[in-house]
Protein backbone atom coordinates (compact mmCIF):
# COMPACT_ATOMS: atom_id res chain seq x y z
CA MET A 1 -2.03 1.78 -1.36
CA GLY A 2 -1.17 -1.84 -2.23
CA ARG A 3 -1.58 -5.14 -0.01
CA ALA A 4 1.11 -7.87 -0.73
CA LYS A 5 -0.23 -11.15 -1.65
CA ASN A 6 2.69 -13.04 -2.56
CA GLU A 7 6.62 -12.66 -2.39
CA VAL A 8 9.40 -14.50 -4.39
CA LYS A 9 12.43 -15.73 -2.50
CA HIS A 10 13.99 -17.99 -4.86
CA GLN A 11 16.68 -16.31 -7.49
CA GLU A 12 15.88 -18.88 -9.92
CA ASN A 13 12.32 -17.25 -10.46
CA GLU A 14 11.90 -14.49 -13.12
CA ASN A 15 9.98 -12.35 -10.05
CA TYR A 16 12.79 -12.71 -7.51
CA ARG A 17 12.78 -9.82 -5.32
CA LYS A 18 9.40 -8.60 -6.38
CA VAL A 19 6.18 -8.36 -4.50
CA TYR A 20 2.67 -9.46 -6.06
CA VAL A 21 0.61 -6.59 -5.05
CA GLN A 22 -3.34 -5.91 -4.69
CA TRP A 23 -3.76 -2.52 -5.36
CA TRP A 24 -6.59 -0.07 -3.18
CA VAL A 25 -7.88 3.19 -3.70
CA LEU A 26 -9.29 5.72 -1.62
CA VAL A 27 -13.06 5.77 -1.18
CA ARG A 28 -14.42 9.37 -1.07
CA THR A 29 -17.36 11.03 -2.38
CA GLY A 30 -18.01 14.53 -3.96
CA VAL A 31 -13.95 15.42 -4.28
CA GLU A 32 -13.35 17.42 -6.97
CA ASN A 33 -9.36 16.56 -7.66
CA ASP A 34 -6.55 14.40 -6.58
CA GLU A 35 -5.10 16.67 -4.09
CA GLU A 36 -8.58 16.86 -2.20
CA LEU A 37 -8.94 12.94 -2.61
CA CYS A 38 -5.57 12.25 -1.00
CA HIS A 39 -5.70 15.15 1.96
CA ASN A 40 -5.72 12.85 5.29
CA CYS A 41 -5.71 9.74 3.21
CA TRP A 42 -4.45 8.02 6.65
CA LEU A 43 -7.69 8.50 8.04
CA SER A 44 -10.06 7.35 4.73
CA LYS A 45 -11.57 3.79 3.81
CA TRP A 46 -10.17 1.99 0.90
CA LYS A 47 -11.57 -0.56 -1.82
CA SER A 48 -9.60 -2.77 -3.80
CA ASN A 49 -9.08 -1.16 -7.23
CA HIS A 50 -10.88 -3.48 -9.83
CA VAL A 51 -9.43 -1.45 -12.80
CA ASP A 52 -5.80 -2.28 -12.26
CA PRO A 53 -6.25 -5.04 -9.24
CA LYS A 54 -2.55 -6.67 -9.04
CA GLN A 55 0.90 -6.57 -10.36
CA TRP A 56 4.38 -7.63 -9.52
CA VAL A 57 6.20 -4.77 -7.59
CA GLU A 58 9.98 -4.44 -7.16
CA ILE A 59 10.52 -4.75 -3.31
CA PHE A 60 12.81 -1.68 -3.01
CA CYS A 61 9.63 0.06 -3.81
CA ILE A 62 7.82 -0.61 -0.76
CA ALA A 63 8.14 2.36 1.92
CA PHE A 64 6.25 0.33 4.56
CA SER A 65 4.60 -3.35 4.89
CA PHE A 66 2.47 -4.67 7.41
CA SER A 67 0.38 -7.86 7.99
CA THR A 68 -3.45 -7.49 7.61
CA LYS A 69 -6.17 -10.06 8.59
CA SER A 70 -6.18 -13.10 6.17
CA ASN A 71 -9.91 -12.81 5.92
CA ILE A 72 -9.96 -9.73 3.63
CA ILE A 73 -11.45 -10.23 0.49
CA ILE A 74 -11.83 -8.16 -2.63
CA HIS A 75 -14.95 -6.46 -1.59
CA SER A 76 -13.74 -5.29 1.81
CA MET A 77 -13.34 -2.09 2.78
CA ILE A 78 -10.28 -1.32 5.03
CA SER A 79 -8.62 1.59 6.63
CA ILE A 80 -5.15 2.20 8.11
CA ASN A 81 -4.56 2.00 11.94
CA ALA A 82 -2.78 4.91 13.61
CA THR A 83 0.26 3.07 14.47
CA HIS A 84 0.71 1.71 10.84
CA ALA A 85 0.32 5.21 9.76
CA PHE A 86 2.56 6.68 12.03
CA LYS A 87 5.35 4.29 10.85
CA ALA A 88 4.62 4.79 7.19
CA LYS A 89 4.58 8.30 7.65
CA VAL A 90 8.07 8.26 9.49
CA ASN A 91 9.39 5.98 6.62
CA LEU A 92 8.05 8.25 3.74
CA ASP A 93 9.65 11.35 5.38
CA ALA A 94 13.09 9.90 5.48
CA ILE A 95 12.78 8.58 1.55
CA ASN A 96 11.99 12.27 1.38
CA ASN A 97 14.96 13.28 3.20
CA ASN A 98 17.27 10.83 1.68
CA SER A 99 17.88 9.16 4.80
CA TYR A 100 16.49 5.70 6.32
CA ALA A 101 14.41 4.96 9.08
CA LEU A 102 14.80 2.38 11.66
């Protein structure tokens, strides 16, 4: 999961139509593989990824976005609320079905 930190709106900028993303990873203990780790990820806690924390991403690669509290810091734990999880799932299903969600 990523948290947008900045966007570029000026065409002259080399990062135009990109978003600066801070990456977050799942927090689970005792899992043995990625499938088990990602199962029901909507209900899990997430922490900032210190290994690969931030990068520029093309805006068309983003399936869903929402505003977060401004006081989230790099050591915070976050979760996805039910409304945002539902909207993200709808968009992911639409992408998988090659159609667009509203």
